[in-house]
Every structure is written in structure tokens, then in C-alpha cells.
Amino acid sequence: MVATTFIVFGNVFLVSFGNHQSPVYTPEQLIAKYSNLVFVLYCMSLVFVVALSQYLYRSGETILSDNAKDTSTHWRTLLPFSYAIVSGAIGSCSVLFAKSLSNMLRLTMSSRYQFHSWFTYSILLLFLCTAGFWMARLNEGLSLFDAILIVPMFQIAWTFFSICTGFVYFQEYQVFDTLRIIMFMLGMTFVFIGISLLAPDENKGNCRPRKLPMEETEVDDMDSLSTSVKVKAKRILSRAKSACSMSLGLGEETISASSVLAMPMVSSRTTGFRGI
């Protein structure tokens, strides 16, 4: 409840004191904004942040794999954070490209622009690349780290870099006074605090990358493996038969019709749920 309260008030501040203008730019104006000196310097700093975060992630991954027992919690916290920074810094650029595409779509609907420029298809290609990169990193991050830890980090990095990129590219700082800047930063802080509070403290130490299924060690004893598979298969078939009988009213107990539509929870290392 505290985390949700922080997020709600943070979004109220962001919407109330953010930029409410929505001008329509021509392709020439959009190209000029991409070549703006401030935006170029921001892109160079973004490349530096991505390179540094990737270096820290690779270094921490090597340290944890070589000396997993004696490593402090510093690297175990920095590892998923650097992974989220790289993902959010690159993936959040898809928001900028999507806004540029929507701007050109508005021009097309007003019959003042047609999709025949190289700039349109370049922005579309960049949007597909950055959005695909974000989705791929999100899925990979969920397989490497605990979801309760990596998801808040993803959201913080995504929100922060999305706001900064749009703030610099559309030069929204020109219409901001001191009060709006302070309240806008306060809203961002509230959102980040609320998102960080969603991750319990006891799960923050368990952030060593997990091996993917293809990287797990194969079972040596094939006889015991086949036996365990058969036992699990029989157990699953038995449970499915019992559930089907109850849903049709043929078993000793009955369940409500809405229960049939509910997806059963399965044991998963990604979600953190452990079956009995």
C-alpha cells in the first residue's frame, strides 16, 4: 500500500507539472532535432553509460562464477542493476521513435505528408530494433534473475531513460520553470521509491544469474530420470482426471464454473512459486 501510494502521487506530480504541449513537427524539424548539439551530447553520454554498465555486468558475472561463495552482496546487487541499465537505456529509445512515427502519422492523416521519405522507414526500422531488443532483454532477464528483483529495476531504468530522452530531444526544458522542474523531479523520485519498495529486502541477496535450462548439467543416471518422469506423468494425469471429474460434477467434490477458467499455478523458478 505504501509503494502504491508513492507511485500514484508520483504520477500525479508528473502529469500535473509535465509538458502539456503536443505540437506536430514536420520531418525536416524532426531531423533537425536529431542533429541538435544537446541531443548529440546526450546520445554520447548514453553510449558511455551503456558501455560502462555492460563492462560492470561482465566483470561481476566473471567474479560470481569464479568465487561465488566469498563474494559480497555488492556485486550481487550491482549485477542485475547494470543489466537493467543497459536494457532500459537502449530499449527506452523505442518510445522516442514511436512518438516520431505517431507525429508523421498525424501529418499523413491531415493530408500534408505521405510515407515516401527515407526518414520514415529509418525511424520505423530503429523502432522495431529497439523494441525487439527491450523485449528480448526483458525475457532473458526474467530467466537470469528473480522476477521480484529484476522487474522493478527494469521499470525504473525504462521510466528514467524514457523521460530523459524525450526531455532532451523535444527540448522540454525550455518551457520548464523552477517550480515545475522541482515538482517534476519530486514526482520521478516518488515513482522510483514506490517501484523499489515493491521488491522485498529478503530477496535482494538472491540475485546471482541462474543458468538457463540448456546450460544445466545433464543427469547421469538415466534410469532414475526416466523413473521420476513416469511418476510425475502419472501424478499429473491423475490430477487432471480428478479436476475434469469435479468440473463435470462426476467426482466426490464439485467446483464452481469460474474455477475451470482459472490457470493453475505451476512450479517455476522465474515466478518464485514453489509447488508442493
Protein backbone atom coordinates (compact mmCIF):
# COMPACT_ATOMS: atom_id res chain seq x y z
CA MET A 1 0.00 0.00 0.00
CA VAL A 2 2.86 2.39 0.76
CA ALA A 3 4.55 1.58 -2.57
CA THR A 4 1.30 2.10 -4.49
CA THR A 5 0.73 5.42 -2.71
CA PHE A 6 4.19 6.65 -3.73
CA ILE A 7 3.60 5.60 -7.35
CA VAL A 8 0.16 7.25 -7.52
CA PHE A 9 1.34 10.56 -6.07
CA GLY A 10 4.45 10.47 -8.25
CA ASN A 11 2.36 10.08 -11.40
CA VAL A 12 0.05 12.87 -10.26
CA PHE A 13 3.06 15.20 -9.97
CA LEU A 14 4.44 14.07 -13.34
CA VAL A 15 1.16 14.68 -15.14
CA SER A 16 0.34 17.93 -13.36
CA PHE A 17 3.73 19.61 -13.79
CA GLY A 18 4.85 17.95 -17.03
CA ASN A 19 4.77 19.40 -20.51
CA HIS A 20 1.18 19.64 -21.78
CA GLN A 21 2.06 20.82 -25.27
CA SER A 22 1.69 18.45 -28.23
CA PRO A 23 2.91 20.21 -31.37
CA VAL A 24 3.09 18.50 -34.75
CA TYR A 25 6.54 18.59 -36.35
CA THR A 26 7.46 18.20 -39.98
CA PRO A 27 10.06 15.59 -40.99
CA GLU A 28 12.59 18.36 -41.53
CA GLN A 29 12.05 19.62 -37.97
CA LEU A 30 12.39 16.11 -36.56
CA ILE A 31 15.65 15.59 -38.43
CA ALA A 32 16.92 18.93 -37.11
CA LYS A 33 16.12 17.85 -33.56
CA TYR A 34 18.09 14.63 -34.04
CA SER A 35 21.11 16.69 -35.12
CA ASN A 36 20.79 19.15 -32.24
CA LEU A 37 24.02 19.59 -30.27
CA VAL A 38 22.38 18.96 -26.88
CA PHE A 39 20.79 15.75 -28.12
CA VAL A 40 24.05 14.58 -29.69
CA LEU A 41 25.87 15.13 -26.40
CA TYR A 42 23.11 13.25 -24.58
CA CYS A 43 23.45 10.31 -27.00
CA MET A 44 27.22 10.24 -26.43
CA SER A 45 26.70 10.16 -22.65
CA LEU A 46 24.09 7.42 -23.13
CA VAL A 47 26.60 5.33 -25.08
CA PHE A 48 29.13 5.81 -22.28
CA VAL A 49 26.60 4.71 -19.64
CA VAL A 50 25.68 1.62 -21.66
CA ALA A 51 29.35 0.67 -22.20
CA LEU A 52 30.19 1.15 -18.51
CA SER A 53 27.17 -0.82 -17.34
CA GLN A 54 27.94 -3.67 -19.75
CA TYR A 55 31.55 -3.75 -18.52
CA LEU A 56 30.38 -3.90 -14.90
CA TYR A 57 27.94 -6.68 -15.73
CA ARG A 58 30.59 -8.79 -17.46
CA SER A 59 33.06 -8.21 -14.63
CA GLY A 60 30.51 -9.10 -11.96
CA GLU A 61 29.44 -12.19 -13.88
CA THR A 62 33.04 -13.39 -14.03
CA ILE A 63 33.64 -12.71 -10.32
CA LEU A 64 30.47 -14.52 -9.27
CA SER A 65 31.24 -17.54 -11.42
CA ASP A 66 34.84 -17.82 -10.15
CA ASN A 67 34.26 -17.06 -6.47
CA ALA A 68 30.56 -17.49 -5.75
CA LYS A 69 30.82 -18.24 -2.02
CA ASP A 70 33.08 -15.41 -0.86
CA THR A 71 31.56 -12.65 -2.98
CA SER A 72 29.89 -9.81 -1.08
CA THR A 73 26.36 -8.66 -1.72
CA HIS A 74 27.76 -5.62 -3.53
CA TRP A 75 28.23 -7.49 -6.79
CA ARG A 76 25.04 -9.48 -6.31
CA THR A 77 23.09 -6.22 -6.28
CA LEU A 78 25.13 -4.42 -8.92
CA LEU A 79 24.86 -7.28 -11.42
CA PRO A 80 21.09 -7.10 -12.10
CA PHE A 81 21.16 -3.31 -11.80
CA SER A 82 23.79 -2.95 -14.55
CA TYR A 83 21.83 -5.43 -16.68
CA ALA A 84 18.68 -3.34 -16.28
CA ILE A 85 20.55 -0.11 -17.08
CA VAL A 86 21.77 -1.46 -20.43
CA SER A 87 18.30 -2.76 -21.28
CA GLY A 88 16.48 0.42 -20.27
CA ALA A 89 18.92 2.83 -21.90
CA ILE A 90 18.62 1.19 -25.32
CA GLY A 91 15.05 -0.08 -25.07
CA SER A 92 13.62 3.26 -23.97
CA CYS A 93 14.70 4.81 -27.28
CA SER A 94 11.77 2.95 -28.83
CA VAL A 95 9.47 5.45 -27.06
CA LEU A 96 11.17 8.34 -28.88
CA PHE A 97 10.96 6.57 -32.25
CA ALA A 98 7.32 5.65 -31.63
CA LYS A 99 6.47 9.29 -30.89
CA SER A 100 8.22 10.36 -34.09
CA LEU A 101 6.19 7.80 -36.04
CA SER A 102 2.95 8.97 -34.44
CA ASN A 103 3.85 12.54 -35.35
CA MET A 104 4.29 11.59 -39.00
CA LEU A 105 1.06 9.59 -38.88
CA ARG A 106 -0.77 12.72 -37.74
CA LEU A 107 0.72 14.58 -40.69
CA THR A 108 -0.46 11.85 -43.03
CA MET A 109 -3.99 11.97 -41.64
CA SER A 110 -4.06 15.72 -42.26
CA SER A 111 -3.00 15.09 -45.91
CA ARG A 112 0.18 17.09 -45.52
CA TYR A 113 2.65 14.25 -45.62
CA GLN A 114 2.97 10.85 -47.26
CA PHE A 115 5.04 7.83 -46.25
CA HIS A 116 7.56 8.18 -49.04
CA SER A 117 10.56 9.61 -47.18
CA TRP A 118 13.63 7.62 -46.19
CA PHE A 119 13.36 9.18 -42.75
CA THR A 120 10.04 7.44 -42.06
CA TYR A 121 11.32 3.95 -42.81
CA SER A 122 14.56 4.59 -40.95
CA ILE A 123 12.63 5.55 -37.82
CA LEU A 124 10.37 2.52 -38.26
CA LEU A 125 13.40 0.22 -38.50
CA LEU A 126 15.00 1.78 -35.43
CA PHE A 127 11.75 1.43 -33.51
CA LEU A 128 11.48 -2.28 -34.35
CA CYS A 129 15.12 -2.88 -33.41
CA THR A 130 14.99 -1.08 -30.06
CA ALA A 131 11.59 -2.51 -29.11
CA GLY A 132 12.73 -6.01 -30.04
CA PHE A 133 15.92 -5.52 -28.03
CA TRP A 134 13.88 -4.44 -25.00
CA MET A 135 11.54 -7.44 -25.19
CA ALA A 136 14.44 -9.87 -25.68
CA ARG A 137 16.36 -8.43 -22.72
CA LEU A 138 13.23 -8.46 -20.57
CA ASN A 139 12.64 -12.16 -21.24
CA GLU A 140 16.30 -13.00 -20.74
CA GLY A 141 16.43 -11.01 -17.51
CA LEU A 142 13.45 -12.89 -16.13
CA SER A 143 15.27 -16.16 -16.83
CA LEU A 144 18.52 -14.98 -15.25
CA PHE A 145 17.29 -13.20 -12.10
CA ASP A 146 14.39 -13.34 -9.68
CA ALA A 147 11.37 -11.56 -11.14
CA ILE A 148 10.59 -9.81 -7.84
CA LEU A 149 14.01 -8.09 -8.07
CA ILE A 150 14.69 -7.52 -11.77
CA VAL A 151 11.22 -6.25 -12.78
CA PRO A 152 11.34 -3.14 -10.52
CA MET A 153 14.85 -2.42 -11.79
CA PHE A 154 13.64 -2.73 -15.38
CA GLN A 155 10.77 -0.34 -14.72
CA ILE A 156 13.00 2.23 -13.02
CA ALA A 157 15.56 2.19 -15.84
CA TRP A 158 12.84 2.27 -18.53
CA THR A 159 10.97 5.18 -16.93
CA PHE A 160 14.08 7.22 -16.18
CA PHE A 161 15.66 6.98 -19.64
CA SER A 162 12.32 7.43 -21.43
CA ILE A 163 11.72 10.71 -19.58
CA CYS A 164 15.30 11.94 -20.08
CA THR A 165 15.37 11.10 -23.80
CA GLY A 166 12.09 12.86 -24.54
CA PHE A 167 13.04 15.76 -22.27
CA VAL A 168 16.26 16.40 -24.20
CA TYR A 169 15.04 15.60 -27.73
CA PHE A 170 11.87 17.72 -27.67
CA GLN A 171 13.68 20.42 -25.64
CA GLU A 172 11.02 20.44 -22.96
CA TYR A 173 13.43 22.12 -20.57
CA GLN A 174 12.80 25.39 -22.43
CA VAL A 175 9.20 25.61 -21.13
CA PHE A 176 10.02 24.49 -17.57
CA ASP A 177 10.42 27.00 -14.77
CA THR A 178 11.99 26.33 -11.37
CA LEU A 179 8.75 25.17 -9.70
CA ARG A 180 7.87 22.74 -12.49
CA ILE A 181 11.37 21.28 -12.51
CA ILE A 182 11.32 20.71 -8.73
CA MET A 183 7.85 19.13 -8.74
CA PHE A 184 8.67 17.04 -11.80
CA MET A 185 11.83 15.69 -10.15
CA LEU A 186 9.85 15.06 -6.97
CA GLY A 187 7.32 13.05 -8.96
CA MET A 188 10.07 10.96 -10.54
CA THR A 189 11.57 10.34 -7.10
CA PHE A 190 8.22 9.21 -5.71
CA VAL A 191 7.72 6.80 -8.61
CA PHE A 192 11.20 5.30 -8.19
CA ILE A 193 10.74 4.92 -4.43
CA GLY A 194 7.39 3.21 -4.94
CA ILE A 195 8.81 0.81 -7.53
CA SER A 196 11.82 -0.02 -5.35
CA LEU A 197 9.56 -0.74 -2.37
CA LEU A 198 7.85 -3.49 -4.36
CA ALA A 199 10.98 -5.65 -4.05
CA PRO A 200 11.23 -7.31 -0.60
CA ASP A 201 14.54 -6.98 1.22
CA GLU A 202 14.96 -10.70 1.76
CA ASN A 203 15.05 -11.34 -1.97
CA LYS A 204 17.68 -8.75 -2.80
CA GLY A 205 20.56 -11.02 -1.88
CA ASN A 206 19.46 -13.75 -4.23
CA CYS A 207 20.41 -12.11 -7.49
CA ARG A 208 23.06 -14.37 -8.91
CA PRO A 209 22.30 -15.21 -12.54
CA ARG A 210 20.60 -18.53 -12.91
CA LYS A 211 21.71 -20.87 -15.62
CA LEU A 212 19.37 -21.39 -18.50
CA PRO A 213 17.86 -24.85 -18.92
CA MET A 214 20.22 -25.67 -21.78
CA GLU A 215 23.18 -24.85 -19.54
CA GLU A 216 22.16 -27.15 -16.68
CA THR A 217 24.12 -30.29 -16.02
CA GLU A 218 22.71 -33.41 -17.59
CA VAL A 219 21.54 -36.18 -15.31
CA ASP A 220 23.98 -39.06 -15.24
CA ASP A 221 21.66 -41.78 -14.09
CA MET A 222 19.16 -42.15 -16.95
CA ASP A 223 17.25 -44.92 -15.19
CA SER A 224 16.39 -42.72 -12.21
CA LEU A 225 15.48 -39.88 -14.56
CA SER A 226 13.05 -41.99 -16.56
CA THR A 227 11.53 -43.35 -13.36
CA SER A 228 10.95 -39.88 -11.95
CA VAL A 229 9.42 -38.74 -15.24
CA LYS A 230 7.00 -41.66 -15.24
CA VAL A 231 5.98 -40.97 -11.65
CA LYS A 232 5.40 -37.28 -12.39
CA ALA A 233 3.44 -38.11 -15.55
CA LYS A 234 1.16 -40.47 -13.65
CA ARG A 235 0.67 -37.88 -10.95
CA ILE A 236 -0.23 -35.18 -13.49
CA LEU A 237 -2.69 -37.48 -15.31
CA SER A 238 -4.31 -38.39 -12.02
CA ARG A 239 -4.76 -34.75 -11.05
CA ALA A 240 -6.10 -33.85 -14.49
CA LYS A 241 -8.62 -36.70 -14.31
CA SER A 242 -9.76 -35.59 -10.86
CA ALA A 243 -10.10 -31.96 -11.96
CA CYS A 244 -12.09 -32.95 -15.04
CA SER A 245 -14.41 -35.13 -12.97
CA MET A 246 -15.03 -32.35 -10.45
CA SER A 247 -15.68 -29.76 -13.18
CA LEU A 248 -18.32 -32.08 -14.72
CA GLY A 249 -19.83 -32.85 -11.34
CA LEU A 250 -18.87 -36.55 -11.54
CA GLY A 251 -16.45 -36.60 -8.64
CA GLU A 252 -16.94 -36.74 -4.92
CA GLU A 253 -16.49 -32.95 -4.76
CA THR A 254 -17.59 -30.18 -7.10
CA ILE A 255 -16.07 -26.85 -8.02
CA SER A 256 -17.59 -23.66 -9.34
CA ALA A 257 -17.73 -22.94 -13.05
CA SER A 258 -15.37 -19.99 -12.73
CA SER A 259 -12.68 -22.26 -11.32
CA VAL A 260 -12.45 -24.09 -14.63
CA LEU A 261 -11.30 -20.91 -16.36
CA ALA A 262 -8.51 -20.21 -13.84
CA MET A 263 -4.97 -21.04 -14.95
CA PRO A 264 -3.26 -23.38 -12.46
CA MET A 265 -0.02 -22.20 -10.93
CA VAL A 266 2.93 -24.42 -11.75
CA SER A 267 6.30 -24.67 -10.08
CA SER A 268 8.56 -22.05 -11.60
CA ARG A 269 11.93 -20.65 -10.71
CA THR A 270 11.09 -17.50 -12.61
CA THR A 271 7.93 -16.63 -10.71
CA GLY A 272 9.29 -17.80 -7.40
CA PHE A 273 6.28 -20.09 -6.79
CA ARG A 274 7.11 -23.49 -5.38
CA GLY A 275 4.66 -26.31 -5.78
CA ILE A 276 4.04 -28.83 -3.03
